[in-house]
């Protein structure tokens, strides 16, 4: 039987990193270079 531990770990990390990068890009595009913590968290959660 194959061990998919590493693949599962990669997918888990991707799921965590992708929304944060999308939120960062969104704030750069909208020229909001210093969003509040609340704005950033809301954007990450909605991605």
PDB file of N, CA and C in Angstrom:
ATOM      1  N   UNK A   1       0.848  -1.181   0.000  1.00  0.00           N
ATOM      2  CA  UNK A   1       0.000   0.000   0.000  1.00  0.00           C
ATOM      3  C   UNK A   1       0.892   1.243   0.000  1.00  0.00           C
ATOM      4  N   UNK A   2       0.501   2.228  -0.754  1.00  0.00           N
ATOM      5  CA  UNK A   2       1.274   3.455  -0.851  1.00  0.00           C
ATOM      6  C   UNK A   2       1.038   4.352   0.354  1.00  0.00           C
ATOM      7  N   UNK A   3       2.077   5.095   0.707  1.00  0.00           N
ATOM      8  CA  UNK A   3       1.988   6.047   1.817  1.00  0.00           C
ATOM      9  C   UNK A   3       1.836   7.445   1.232  1.00  0.00           C
ATOM     10  N   UNK A   4       0.711   8.060   1.445  1.00  0.00           N
ATOM     11  CA  UNK A   4       0.433   9.374   0.896  1.00  0.00           C
ATOM     12  C   UNK A   4       0.649  10.493   1.913  1.00  0.00           C
ATOM     13  N   UNK A   5       1.417  10.207   2.955  1.00  0.00           N
ATOM     14  CA  UNK A   5       1.619  11.199   4.007  1.00  0.00           C
ATOM     15  C   UNK A   5       2.164  12.512   3.450  1.00  0.00           C
ATOM     16  N   UNK A   6       3.200  12.433   2.627  1.00  0.00           N
ATOM     17  CA  UNK A   6       3.818  13.658   2.092  1.00  0.00           C
ATOM     18  C   UNK A   6       2.842  14.415   1.200  1.00  0.00           C
ATOM     19  N   UNK A   7       2.096  13.709   0.383  1.00  0.00           N
ATOM     20  CA  UNK A   7       1.121  14.361  -0.503  1.00  0.00           C
ATOM     21  C   UNK A   7       0.038  15.045   0.322  1.00  0.00           C
ATOM     22  N   UNK A   8      -0.425  14.398   1.366  1.00  0.00           N
ATOM     23  CA  UNK A   8      -1.431  15.001   2.238  1.00  0.00           C
ATOM     24  C   UNK A   8      -0.880  16.260   2.900  1.00  0.00           C
ATOM     25  N   UNK A   9       0.382  16.204   3.306  1.00  0.00           N
ATOM     26  CA  UNK A   9       1.009  17.362   3.939  1.00  0.00           C
ATOM     27  C   UNK A   9       1.120  18.525   2.966  1.00  0.00           C
ATOM     28  N   UNK A  10       1.494  18.255   1.718  1.00  0.00           N
ATOM     29  CA  UNK A  10       1.602  19.299   0.705  1.00  0.00           C
ATOM     30  C   UNK A  10       0.240  19.939   0.457  1.00  0.00           C
ATOM     31  N   UNK A  11      -0.778  19.133   0.328  1.00  0.00           N
ATOM     32  CA  UNK A  11      -2.129  19.665   0.091  1.00  0.00           C
ATOM     33  C   UNK A  11      -2.601  20.495   1.278  1.00  0.00           C
ATOM     34  N   UNK A  12      -2.314  20.033   2.482  1.00  0.00           N
ATOM     35  CA  UNK A  12      -2.703  20.781   3.682  1.00  0.00           C
ATOM     36  C   UNK A  12      -1.999  22.140   3.734  1.00  0.00           C
ATOM     37  N   UNK A  13      -0.697  22.154   3.435  1.00  0.00           N
ATOM     38  CA  UNK A  13       0.054  23.411   3.446  1.00  0.00           C
ATOM     39  C   UNK A  13      -0.439  24.351   2.354  1.00  0.00           C
ATOM     40  N   UNK A  14      -0.761  23.813   1.194  1.00  0.00           N
ATOM     41  CA  UNK A  14      -1.274  24.624   0.096  1.00  0.00           C
ATOM     42  C   UNK A  14      -2.597  25.275   0.485  1.00  0.00           C
ATOM     43  N   UNK A  15      -3.443  24.512   1.149  1.00  0.00           N
ATOM     44  CA  UNK A  15      -4.734  25.045   1.584  1.00  0.00           C
ATOM     45  C   UNK A  15      -4.570  26.175   2.587  1.00  0.00           C
ATOM     46  N   UNK A  16      -3.488  26.151   3.350  1.00  0.00           N
ATOM     47  CA  UNK A  16      -3.235  27.221   4.320  1.00  0.00           C
ATOM     48  C   UNK A  16      -2.586  28.434   3.671  1.00  0.00           C
ATOM     49  N   UNK A  17      -1.690  28.213   2.730  1.00  0.00           N
ATOM     50  CA  UNK A  17      -0.910  29.301   2.144  1.00  0.00           C
ATOM     51  C   UNK A  17      -1.660  30.048   1.037  1.00  0.00           C
ATOM     52  N   UNK A  18      -2.463  29.360   0.263  1.00  0.00           N
ATOM     53  CA  UNK A  18      -3.129  29.970  -0.883  1.00  0.00           C
ATOM     54  C   UNK A  18      -4.025  31.157  -0.509  1.00  0.00           C
ATOM     55  N   UNK A  19      -4.918  31.044   0.472  1.00  0.00           N
ATOM     56  CA  UNK A  19      -5.773  32.191   0.814  1.00  0.00           C
ATOM     57  C   UNK A  19      -4.982  33.414   1.283  1.00  0.00           C
ATOM     58  N   UNK A  20      -3.906  33.203   2.016  1.00  0.00           N
ATOM     59  CA  UNK A  20      -3.103  34.334   2.491  1.00  0.00           C
ATOM     60  C   UNK A  20      -2.457  35.064   1.320  1.00  0.00           C
ATOM     61  N   UNK A  21      -1.947  34.324   0.352  1.00  0.00           N
ATOM     62  CA  UNK A  21      -1.330  34.956  -0.819  1.00  0.00           C
ATOM     63  C   UNK A  21      -2.366  35.678  -1.665  1.00  0.00           C
ATOM     64  N   UNK A  22      -3.541  35.103  -1.792  1.00  0.00           N
ATOM     65  CA  UNK A  22      -4.619  35.769  -2.543  1.00  0.00           C
ATOM     66  C   UNK A  22      -5.019  37.075  -1.865  1.00  0.00           C
ATOM     67  N   UNK A  23      -5.130  37.052  -0.552  1.00  0.00           N
ATOM     68  CA  UNK A  23      -5.502  38.261   0.189  1.00  0.00           C
ATOM     69  C   UNK A  23      -4.432  39.333   0.033  1.00  0.00           C
ATOM     70  N   UNK A  24      -3.169  38.940   0.129  1.00  0.00           N
ATOM     71  CA  UNK A  24      -2.071  39.898  -0.030  1.00  0.00           C
ATOM     72  C   UNK A  24      -2.109  40.523  -1.408  1.00  0.00           C
ATOM     73  N   UNK A  25      -2.308  39.708  -2.426  1.00  0.00           N
ATOM     74  CA  UNK A  25      -2.390  40.214  -3.803  1.00  0.00           C
ATOM     75  C   UNK A  25      -3.583  41.148  -3.959  1.00  0.00           C
ATOM     76  N   UNK A  26      -4.708  40.783  -3.367  1.00  0.00           N
ATOM     77  CA  UNK A  26      -5.909  41.618  -3.450  1.00  0.00           C
ATOM     78  C   UNK A  26      -5.646  43.014  -2.878  1.00  0.00           C
ATOM     79  N   UNK A  27      -5.007  43.075  -1.733  1.00  0.00           N
ATOM     80  CA  UNK A  27      -4.750  44.366  -1.111  1.00  0.00           C
ATOM     81  C   UNK A  27      -3.747  45.180  -1.929  1.00  0.00           C
ATOM     82  N   UNK A  28      -2.806  44.520  -2.588  1.00  0.00           N
ATOM     83  CA  UNK A  28      -1.870  45.240  -3.459  1.00  0.00           C
ATOM     84  C   UNK A  28      -2.597  45.811  -4.672  1.00  0.00           C
ATOM     85  N   UNK A  29      -3.478  45.016  -5.262  1.00  0.00           N
ATOM     86  CA  UNK A  29      -4.225  45.459  -6.444  1.00  0.00           C
ATOM     87  C   UNK A  29      -5.127  46.639  -6.102  1.00  0.00           C
ATOM     88  N   UNK A  30      -5.753  46.587  -4.936  1.00  0.00           N
ATOM     89  CA  UNK A  30      -6.672  47.657  -4.543  1.00  0.00           C
ATOM     90  C   UNK A  30      -5.951  48.825  -3.872  1.00  0.00           C
ATOM     91  N   UNK A  31      -4.613  48.769  -3.882  1.00  0.00           N
ATOM     92  CA  UNK A  31      -3.762  49.829  -3.334  1.00  0.00           C
ATOM     93  C   UNK A  31      -3.990  50.098  -1.846  1.00  0.00           C
ATOM     94  N   UNK A  32      -4.374  49.069  -1.146  1.00  0.00           N
ATOM     95  CA  UNK A  32      -4.514  49.138   0.305  1.00  0.00           C
ATOM     96  C   UNK A  32      -3.289  48.419   0.881  1.00  0.00           C
ATOM     97  N   UNK A  33      -2.189  49.135   0.998  1.00  0.00           N
ATOM     98  CA  UNK A  33      -0.925  48.524   1.383  1.00  0.00           C
ATOM     99  C   UNK A  33      -0.810  48.255   2.882  1.00  0.00           C
ATOM    100  N   UNK A  34      -1.695  48.791   3.673  1.00  0.00           N
ATOM    101  CA  UNK A  34      -1.647  48.546   5.117  1.00  0.00           C
ATOM    102  C   UNK A  34      -3.061  48.260   5.638  1.00  0.00           C
ATOM    103  N   UNK A  35      -3.612  47.105   5.275  1.00  0.00           N
ATOM    104  CA  UNK A  35      -4.944  46.776   5.797  1.00  0.00           C
ATOM    105  C   UNK A  35      -4.875  46.481   7.292  1.00  0.00           C
ATOM    106  N   UNK A  36      -5.981  46.697   7.958  1.00  0.00           N
ATOM    107  CA  UNK A  36      -6.023  46.366   9.382  1.00  0.00           C
ATOM    108  C   UNK A  36      -6.013  44.835   9.527  1.00  0.00           C
ATOM    109  N   UNK A  37      -5.689  44.376  10.715  1.00  0.00           N
ATOM    110  CA  UNK A  37      -5.676  42.934  10.963  1.00  0.00           C
ATOM    111  C   UNK A  37      -7.048  42.333  10.673  1.00  0.00           C
ATOM    112  N   UNK A  38      -8.083  43.048  11.060  1.00  0.00           N
ATOM    113  CA  UNK A  38      -9.451  42.556  10.850  1.00  0.00           C
ATOM    114  C   UNK A  38      -9.769  42.440   9.359  1.00  0.00           C
ATOM    115  N   UNK A  39      -9.392  43.459   8.581  1.00  0.00           N
ATOM    116  CA  UNK A  39      -9.620  43.405   7.129  1.00  0.00           C
ATOM    117  C   UNK A  39      -8.892  42.212   6.513  1.00  0.00           C
ATOM    118  N   UNK A  40      -7.650  42.026   6.903  1.00  0.00           N
ATOM    119  CA  UNK A  40      -6.833  40.940   6.365  1.00  0.00           C
ATOM    120  C   UNK A  40      -7.424  39.577   6.730  1.00  0.00           C
ATOM    121  N   UNK A  41      -7.786  39.421   7.975  1.00  0.00           N
ATOM    122  CA  UNK A  41      -8.376  38.135   8.417  1.00  0.00           C
ATOM    123  C   UNK A  41      -9.672  37.855   7.697  1.00  0.00           C
ATOM    124  N   UNK A  42     -10.512  38.869   7.540  1.00  0.00           N
ATOM    125  CA  UNK A  42     -11.782  38.668   6.827  1.00  0.00           C
ATOM    126  C   UNK A  42     -11.549  38.268   5.373  1.00  0.00           C
ATOM    127  N   UNK A  43     -10.567  38.887   4.735  1.00  0.00           N
ATOM    128  CA  UNK A  43     -10.273  38.566   3.341  1.00  0.00           C
ATOM    129  C   UNK A  43      -9.738  37.146   3.214  1.00  0.00           C
ATOM    130  N   UNK A  44      -8.842  36.736   4.115  1.00  0.00           N
ATOM    131  CA  UNK A  44      -8.298  35.384   4.093  1.00  0.00           C
ATOM    132  C   UNK A  44      -9.422  34.371   4.317  1.00  0.00           C
ATOM    133  N   UNK A  45     -10.287  34.666   5.237  1.00  0.00           N
ATOM    134  CA  UNK A  45     -11.386  33.729   5.546  1.00  0.00           C
ATOM    135  C   UNK A  45     -12.387  33.616   4.406  1.00  0.00           C
ATOM    136  N   UNK A  46     -12.535  34.669   3.624  1.00  0.00           N
ATOM    137  CA  UNK A  46     -13.510  34.626   2.539  1.00  0.00           C
ATOM    138  C   UNK A  46     -12.930  34.050   1.254  1.00  0.00           C
ATOM    139  N   UNK A  47     -11.623  33.798   1.228  1.00  0.00           N
ATOM    140  CA  UNK A  47     -10.996  33.250   0.017  1.00  0.00           C
ATOM    141  C   UNK A  47     -11.129  31.761  -0.025  1.00  0.00           C
TER     142      UNK A  47
END
